[in-house]
């Protein structure tokens, strides 16, 4: 009985670790994508783009910059 309890405890610890690593990785991807998008917007505005022209420029820049899914 004690062996089963220990096994379940270890399984729970492993699952928590996997979930923590996955969440950290997802958070860093989101932050990276936000940074890239902000830089693309700044670049477009610096070139004097507005409205639809700015939007299309930002989309193109974002896709070219290697954003992560």
PDB file of N, CA and C in Angstrom:
ATOM      1  N   UNK A   1       0.831  -1.188   0.000  1.00  0.00           N
ATOM      2  CA  UNK A   1       0.000   0.000   0.000  1.00  0.00           C
ATOM      3  C   UNK A   1       0.874   1.249   0.000  1.00  0.00           C
ATOM      4  N   UNK A   2       1.942   1.225   0.784  1.00  0.00           N
ATOM      5  CA  UNK A   2       2.827   2.375   0.859  1.00  0.00           C
ATOM      6  C   UNK A   2       3.525   2.596  -0.489  1.00  0.00           C
ATOM      7  N   UNK A   3       3.852   1.528  -1.174  1.00  0.00           N
ATOM      8  CA  UNK A   3       4.495   1.595  -2.483  1.00  0.00           C
ATOM      9  C   UNK A   3       3.570   2.267  -3.506  1.00  0.00           C
ATOM     10  N   UNK A   4       2.299   1.949  -3.470  1.00  0.00           N
ATOM     11  CA  UNK A   4       1.334   2.552  -4.395  1.00  0.00           C
ATOM     12  C   UNK A   4       1.180   4.042  -4.110  1.00  0.00           C
ATOM     13  N   UNK A   5       1.139   4.399  -2.866  1.00  0.00           N
ATOM     14  CA  UNK A   5       1.014   5.800  -2.475  1.00  0.00           C
ATOM     15  C   UNK A   5       2.237   6.595  -2.938  1.00  0.00           C
ATOM     16  N   UNK A   6       3.410   6.001  -2.794  1.00  0.00           N
ATOM     17  CA  UNK A   6       4.640   6.656  -3.237  1.00  0.00           C
ATOM     18  C   UNK A   6       4.620   6.823  -4.754  1.00  0.00           C
ATOM     19  N   UNK A   7       4.166   5.815  -5.456  1.00  0.00           N
ATOM     20  CA  UNK A   7       4.080   5.877  -6.915  1.00  0.00           C
ATOM     21  C   UNK A   7       3.137   6.976  -7.384  1.00  0.00           C
ATOM     22  N   UNK A   8       1.995   7.098  -6.730  1.00  0.00           N
ATOM     23  CA  UNK A   8       1.033   8.142  -7.079  1.00  0.00           C
ATOM     24  C   UNK A   8       1.591   9.531  -6.778  1.00  0.00           C
ATOM     25  N   UNK A   9       2.309   9.647  -5.675  1.00  0.00           N
ATOM     26  CA  UNK A   9       2.920  10.929  -5.320  1.00  0.00           C
ATOM     27  C   UNK A   9       3.959  11.336  -6.356  1.00  0.00           C
ATOM     28  N   UNK A  10       4.779  10.388  -6.790  1.00  0.00           N
ATOM     29  CA  UNK A  10       5.790  10.684  -7.804  1.00  0.00           C
ATOM     30  C   UNK A  10       5.134  11.064  -9.128  1.00  0.00           C
ATOM     31  N   UNK A  11       4.075  10.370  -9.492  1.00  0.00           N
ATOM     32  CA  UNK A  11       3.370  10.694 -10.732  1.00  0.00           C
ATOM     33  C   UNK A  11       2.792  12.106 -10.669  1.00  0.00           C
ATOM     34  N   UNK A  12       2.246  12.475  -9.531  1.00  0.00           N
ATOM     35  CA  UNK A  12       1.688  13.822  -9.364  1.00  0.00           C
ATOM     36  C   UNK A  12       2.779  14.881  -9.478  1.00  0.00           C
ATOM     37  N   UNK A  13       3.927  14.635  -8.889  1.00  0.00           N
ATOM     38  CA  UNK A  13       5.040  15.580  -8.953  1.00  0.00           C
ATOM     39  C   UNK A  13       5.506  15.750 -10.405  1.00  0.00           C
ATOM     40  N   UNK A  14       5.602  14.660 -11.124  1.00  0.00           N
ATOM     41  CA  UNK A  14       6.040  14.720 -12.519  1.00  0.00           C
ATOM     42  C   UNK A  14       5.035  15.507 -13.364  1.00  0.00           C
ATOM     43  N   UNK A  15       3.752  15.275 -13.149  1.00  0.00           N
ATOM     44  CA  UNK A  15       2.732  15.999 -13.903  1.00  0.00           C
ATOM     45  C   UNK A  15       2.786  17.498 -13.620  1.00  0.00           C
ATOM     46  N   UNK A  16       3.006  17.865 -12.384  1.00  0.00           N
ATOM     47  CA  UNK A  16       3.109  19.281 -12.027  1.00  0.00           C
ATOM     48  C   UNK A  16       4.323  19.905 -12.710  1.00  0.00           C
ATOM     49  N   UNK A  17       5.439  19.198 -12.729  1.00  0.00           N
ATOM     50  CA  UNK A  17       6.644  19.716 -13.379  1.00  0.00           C
ATOM     51  C   UNK A  17       6.425  19.911 -14.873  1.00  0.00           C
ATOM     52  N   UNK A  18       5.808  18.961 -15.523  1.00  0.00           N
ATOM     53  CA  UNK A  18       5.539  19.066 -16.961  1.00  0.00           C
ATOM     54  C   UNK A  18       4.618  20.250 -17.239  1.00  0.00           C
ATOM     55  N   UNK A  19       3.591  20.408 -16.446  1.00  0.00           N
ATOM     56  CA  UNK A  19       2.663  21.524 -16.633  1.00  0.00           C
ATOM     57  C   UNK A  19       3.365  22.861 -16.426  1.00  0.00           C
ATOM     58  N   UNK A  20       4.250  22.936 -15.448  1.00  0.00           N
ATOM     59  CA  UNK A  20       4.978  24.174 -15.170  1.00  0.00           C
ATOM     60  C   UNK A  20       5.895  24.543 -16.329  1.00  0.00           C
ATOM     61  N   UNK A  21       6.621  23.579 -16.845  1.00  0.00           N
ATOM     62  CA  UNK A  21       7.524  23.829 -17.972  1.00  0.00           C
ATOM     63  C   UNK A  21       6.722  24.245 -19.205  1.00  0.00           C
ATOM     64  N   UNK A  22       5.614  23.593 -19.473  1.00  0.00           N
ATOM     65  CA  UNK A  22       4.781  23.936 -20.623  1.00  0.00           C
ATOM     66  C   UNK A  22       4.238  25.355 -20.508  1.00  0.00           C
ATOM     67  N   UNK A  23       3.784  25.725 -19.341  1.00  0.00           N
ATOM     68  CA  UNK A  23       3.246  27.072 -19.137  1.00  0.00           C
ATOM     69  C   UNK A  23       4.338  28.126 -19.292  1.00  0.00           C
ATOM     70  N   UNK A  24       5.516  27.854 -18.794  1.00  0.00           N
ATOM     71  CA  UNK A  24       6.625  28.804 -18.916  1.00  0.00           C
ATOM     72  C   UNK A  24       7.005  28.991 -20.378  1.00  0.00           C
ATOM     73  N   UNK A  25       7.024  27.908 -21.130  1.00  0.00           N
ATOM     74  CA  UNK A  25       7.369  27.990 -22.547  1.00  0.00           C
ATOM     75  C   UNK A  25       6.308  28.782 -23.312  1.00  0.00           C
ATOM     76  N   UNK A  26       5.049  28.542 -23.027  1.00  0.00           N
ATOM     77  CA  UNK A  26       3.966  29.267 -23.694  1.00  0.00           C
ATOM     78  C   UNK A  26       4.036  30.749 -23.349  1.00  0.00           C
ATOM     79  N   UNK A  27       4.372  31.068 -22.118  1.00  0.00           N
ATOM     80  CA  UNK A  27       4.489  32.468 -21.709  1.00  0.00           C
ATOM     81  C   UNK A  27       5.611  33.177 -22.432  1.00  0.00           C
ATOM     82  N   UNK A  28       6.739  32.509 -22.613  1.00  0.00           N
ATOM     83  CA  UNK A  28       7.860  33.147 -23.294  1.00  0.00           C
ATOM     84  C   UNK A  28       7.561  33.345 -24.775  1.00  0.00           C
ATOM     85  N   UNK A  29       6.830  32.416 -25.404  1.00  0.00           N
ATOM     86  CA  UNK A  29       6.441  32.590 -26.805  1.00  0.00           C
ATOM     87  C   UNK A  29       5.513  33.786 -26.947  1.00  0.00           C
ATOM     88  N   UNK A  30       4.565  33.920 -26.038  1.00  0.00           N
ATOM     89  CA  UNK A  30       3.625  35.027 -26.086  1.00  0.00           C
ATOM     90  C   UNK A  30       4.354  36.351 -25.920  1.00  0.00           C
ATOM     91  N   UNK A  31       5.294  36.400 -24.994  1.00  0.00           N
ATOM     92  CA  UNK A  31       6.058  37.627 -24.779  1.00  0.00           C
ATOM     93  C   UNK A  31       6.885  37.959 -26.018  1.00  0.00           C
ATOM     94  N   UNK A  32       7.515  36.953 -26.616  1.00  0.00           N
ATOM     95  CA  UNK A  32       8.312  37.176 -27.824  1.00  0.00           C
ATOM     96  C   UNK A  32       7.440  37.743 -28.942  1.00  0.00           C
ATOM     97  N   UNK A  33       6.280  37.140 -29.155  1.00  0.00           N
ATOM     98  CA  UNK A  33       5.383  37.608 -30.204  1.00  0.00           C
ATOM     99  C   UNK A  33       4.926  39.039 -29.940  1.00  0.00           C
ATOM    100  N   UNK A  34       4.663  39.377 -28.693  1.00  0.00           N
ATOM    101  CA  UNK A  34       4.256  40.740 -28.345  1.00  0.00           C
ATOM    102  C   UNK A  34       5.380  41.730 -28.621  1.00  0.00           C
ATOM    103  N   UNK A  35       6.604  41.353 -28.282  1.00  0.00           N
ATOM    104  CA  UNK A  35       7.756  42.221 -28.533  1.00  0.00           C
ATOM    105  C   UNK A  35       7.953  42.448 -30.030  1.00  0.00           C
ATOM    106  N   UNK A  36       7.836  41.383 -30.808  1.00  0.00           N
ATOM    107  CA  UNK A  36       7.996  41.491 -32.264  1.00  0.00           C
ATOM    108  C   UNK A  36       6.925  42.402 -32.843  1.00  0.00           C
ATOM    109  N   UNK A  37       5.694  42.198 -32.427  1.00  0.00           N
ATOM    110  CA  UNK A  37       4.591  43.006 -32.953  1.00  0.00           C
ATOM    111  C   UNK A  37       4.781  44.477 -32.590  1.00  0.00           C
ATOM    112  N   UNK A  38       5.190  44.749 -31.369  1.00  0.00           N
ATOM    113  CA  UNK A  38       5.419  46.140 -30.949  1.00  0.00           C
ATOM    114  C   UNK A  38       6.524  46.779 -31.788  1.00  0.00           C
ATOM    115  N   UNK A  39       7.567  46.030 -32.067  1.00  0.00           N
ATOM    116  CA  UNK A  39       8.663  46.556 -32.886  1.00  0.00           C
ATOM    117  C   UNK A  39       8.187  46.824 -34.306  1.00  0.00           C
ATOM    118  N   UNK A  40       7.376  45.928 -34.860  1.00  0.00           N
ATOM    119  CA  UNK A  40       6.845  46.123 -36.210  1.00  0.00           C
ATOM    120  C   UNK A  40       5.966  47.381 -36.271  1.00  0.00           C
ATOM    121  N   UNK A  41       5.151  47.591 -35.257  1.00  0.00           N
ATOM    122  CA  UNK A  41       4.292  48.780 -35.210  1.00  0.00           C
ATOM    123  C   UNK A  41       5.150  50.040 -35.137  1.00  0.00           C
ATOM    124  N   UNK A  42       6.161  50.035 -34.285  1.00  0.00           N
ATOM    125  CA  UNK A  42       7.054  51.193 -34.159  1.00  0.00           C
ATOM    126  C   UNK A  42       7.749  51.501 -35.476  1.00  0.00           C
ATOM    127  N   UNK A  43       8.228  50.466 -36.147  1.00  0.00           N
ATOM    128  CA  UNK A  43       8.912  50.652 -37.428  1.00  0.00           C
ATOM    129  C   UNK A  43       7.975  51.258 -38.475  1.00  0.00           C
ATOM    130  N   UNK A  44       6.755  50.737 -38.539  1.00  0.00           N
ATOM    131  CA  UNK A  44       5.783  51.249 -39.504  1.00  0.00           C
ATOM    132  C   UNK A  44       5.416  52.702 -39.233  1.00  0.00           C
ATOM    133  N   UNK A  45       5.210  53.032 -37.979  1.00  0.00           N
ATOM    134  CA  UNK A  45       4.873  54.414 -37.615  1.00  0.00           C
ATOM    135  C   UNK A  45       6.046  55.351 -37.889  1.00  0.00           C
ATOM    136  N   UNK A  46       7.258  54.868 -37.664  1.00  0.00           N
ATOM    137  CA  UNK A  46       8.441  55.684 -37.930  1.00  0.00           C
ATOM    138  C   UNK A  46       8.559  56.019 -39.419  1.00  0.00           C
ATOM    139  N   UNK A  47       8.038  55.137 -40.270  1.00  0.00           N
ATOM    140  CA  UNK A  47       8.049  55.388 -41.711  1.00  0.00           C
ATOM    141  C   UNK A  47       6.835  56.208 -42.143  1.00  0.00           C
ATOM    142  N   UNK A  48       6.004  56.627 -41.189  1.00  0.00           N
ATOM    143  CA  UNK A  48       4.865  57.489 -41.485  1.00  0.00           C
ATOM    144  C   UNK A  48       3.625  56.763 -41.966  1.00  0.00           C
ATOM    145  N   UNK A  49       3.562  55.475 -41.783  1.00  0.00           N
ATOM    146  CA  UNK A  49       2.395  54.712 -42.227  1.00  0.00           C
ATOM    147  C   UNK A  49       1.238  54.882 -41.251  1.00  0.00           C
ATOM    148  N   UNK A  50       0.019  54.848 -41.799  1.00  0.00           N
ATOM    149  CA  UNK A  50      -1.191  54.963 -40.981  1.00  0.00           C
ATOM    150  C   UNK A  50      -2.280  54.077 -41.572  1.00  0.00           C
ATOM    151  N   UNK A  51      -3.276  53.786 -40.775  1.00  0.00           N
ATOM    152  CA  UNK A  51      -4.457  53.065 -41.236  1.00  0.00           C
ATOM    153  C   UNK A  51      -4.146  51.704 -41.827  1.00  0.00           C
ATOM    154  N   UNK A  52      -4.766  51.432 -42.991  1.00  0.00           N
ATOM    155  CA  UNK A  52      -4.617  50.123 -43.628  1.00  0.00           C
ATOM    156  C   UNK A  52      -3.182  49.847 -44.047  1.00  0.00           C
ATOM    157  N   UNK A  53      -2.473  50.884 -44.475  1.00  0.00           N
ATOM    158  CA  UNK A  53      -1.077  50.700 -44.888  1.00  0.00           C
ATOM    159  C   UNK A  53      -0.236  50.236 -43.697  1.00  0.00           C
ATOM    160  N   UNK A  54      -0.471  50.833 -42.530  1.00  0.00           N
ATOM    161  CA  UNK A  54       0.249  50.426 -41.320  1.00  0.00           C
ATOM    162  C   UNK A  54      -0.122  48.997 -40.943  1.00  0.00           C
ATOM    163  N   UNK A  55      -1.410  48.689 -41.000  1.00  0.00           N
ATOM    164  CA  UNK A  55      -1.877  47.351 -40.652  1.00  0.00           C
ATOM    165  C   UNK A  55      -1.203  46.293 -41.532  1.00  0.00           C
ATOM    166  N   UNK A  56      -1.218  46.505 -42.837  1.00  0.00           N
ATOM    167  CA  UNK A  56      -0.636  45.517 -43.757  1.00  0.00           C
ATOM    168  C   UNK A  56       0.874  45.406 -43.572  1.00  0.00           C
ATOM    169  N   UNK A  57       1.529  46.516 -43.300  1.00  0.00           N
ATOM    170  CA  UNK A  57       2.968  46.506 -43.060  1.00  0.00           C
ATOM    171  C   UNK A  57       3.295  45.715 -41.788  1.00  0.00           C
ATOM    172  N   UNK A  58       2.508  45.916 -40.745  1.00  0.00           N
ATOM    173  CA  UNK A  58       2.737  45.214 -39.478  1.00  0.00           C
ATOM    174  C   UNK A  58       2.523  43.706 -39.661  1.00  0.00           C
ATOM    175  N   UNK A  59       1.483  43.328 -40.380  1.00  0.00           N
ATOM    176  CA  UNK A  59       1.218  41.903 -40.611  1.00  0.00           C
ATOM    177  C   UNK A  59       2.382  41.278 -41.374  1.00  0.00           C
ATOM    178  N   UNK A  60       2.842  41.947 -42.431  1.00  0.00           N
ATOM    179  CA  UNK A  60       3.961  41.423 -43.217  1.00  0.00           C
ATOM    180  C   UNK A  60       5.236  41.334 -42.383  1.00  0.00           C
ATOM    181  N   UNK A  61       5.530  42.376 -41.628  1.00  0.00           N
ATOM    182  CA  UNK A  61       6.715  42.392 -40.756  1.00  0.00           C
ATOM    183  C   UNK A  61       6.644  41.263 -39.732  1.00  0.00           C
ATOM    184  N   UNK A  62       5.484  41.090 -39.119  1.00  0.00           N
ATOM    185  CA  UNK A  62       5.302  40.081 -38.080  1.00  0.00           C
ATOM    186  C   UNK A  62       5.558  38.684 -38.631  1.00  0.00           C
ATOM    187  N   UNK A  63       5.046  38.411 -39.816  1.00  0.00           N
ATOM    188  CA  UNK A  63       5.227  37.094 -40.411  1.00  0.00           C
ATOM    189  C   UNK A  63       6.663  36.861 -40.880  1.00  0.00           C
ATOM    190  N   UNK A  64       7.328  37.901 -41.340  1.00  0.00           N
ATOM    191  CA  UNK A  64       8.704  37.773 -41.787  1.00  0.00           C
ATOM    192  C   UNK A  64       9.679  37.616 -40.633  1.00  0.00           C
ATOM    193  N   UNK A  65       9.307  38.067 -39.467  1.00  0.00           N
ATOM    194  CA  UNK A  65      10.244  38.108 -38.338  1.00  0.00           C
ATOM    195  C   UNK A  65      10.355  36.790 -37.584  1.00  0.00           C
ATOM    196  N   UNK A  66       9.650  35.780 -38.029  1.00  0.00           N
ATOM    197  CA  UNK A  66       9.785  34.467 -37.388  1.00  0.00           C
ATOM    198  C   UNK A  66       9.017  34.349 -36.088  1.00  0.00           C
ATOM    199  N   UNK A  67       7.810  34.885 -36.045  1.00  0.00           N
ATOM    200  CA  UNK A  67       6.999  34.732 -34.838  1.00  0.00           C
ATOM    201  C   UNK A  67       6.782  33.264 -34.539  1.00  0.00           C
ATOM    202  N   UNK A  68       6.522  32.955 -33.305  1.00  0.00           N
ATOM    203  CA  UNK A  68       6.342  31.562 -32.907  1.00  0.00           C
ATOM    204  C   UNK A  68       4.873  31.264 -32.692  1.00  0.00           C
ATOM    205  N   UNK A  69       4.469  30.048 -33.062  1.00  0.00           N
ATOM    206  CA  UNK A  69       3.072  29.623 -32.912  1.00  0.00           C
ATOM    207  C   UNK A  69       2.849  29.072 -31.523  1.00  0.00           C
TER     208      UNK A  69
END
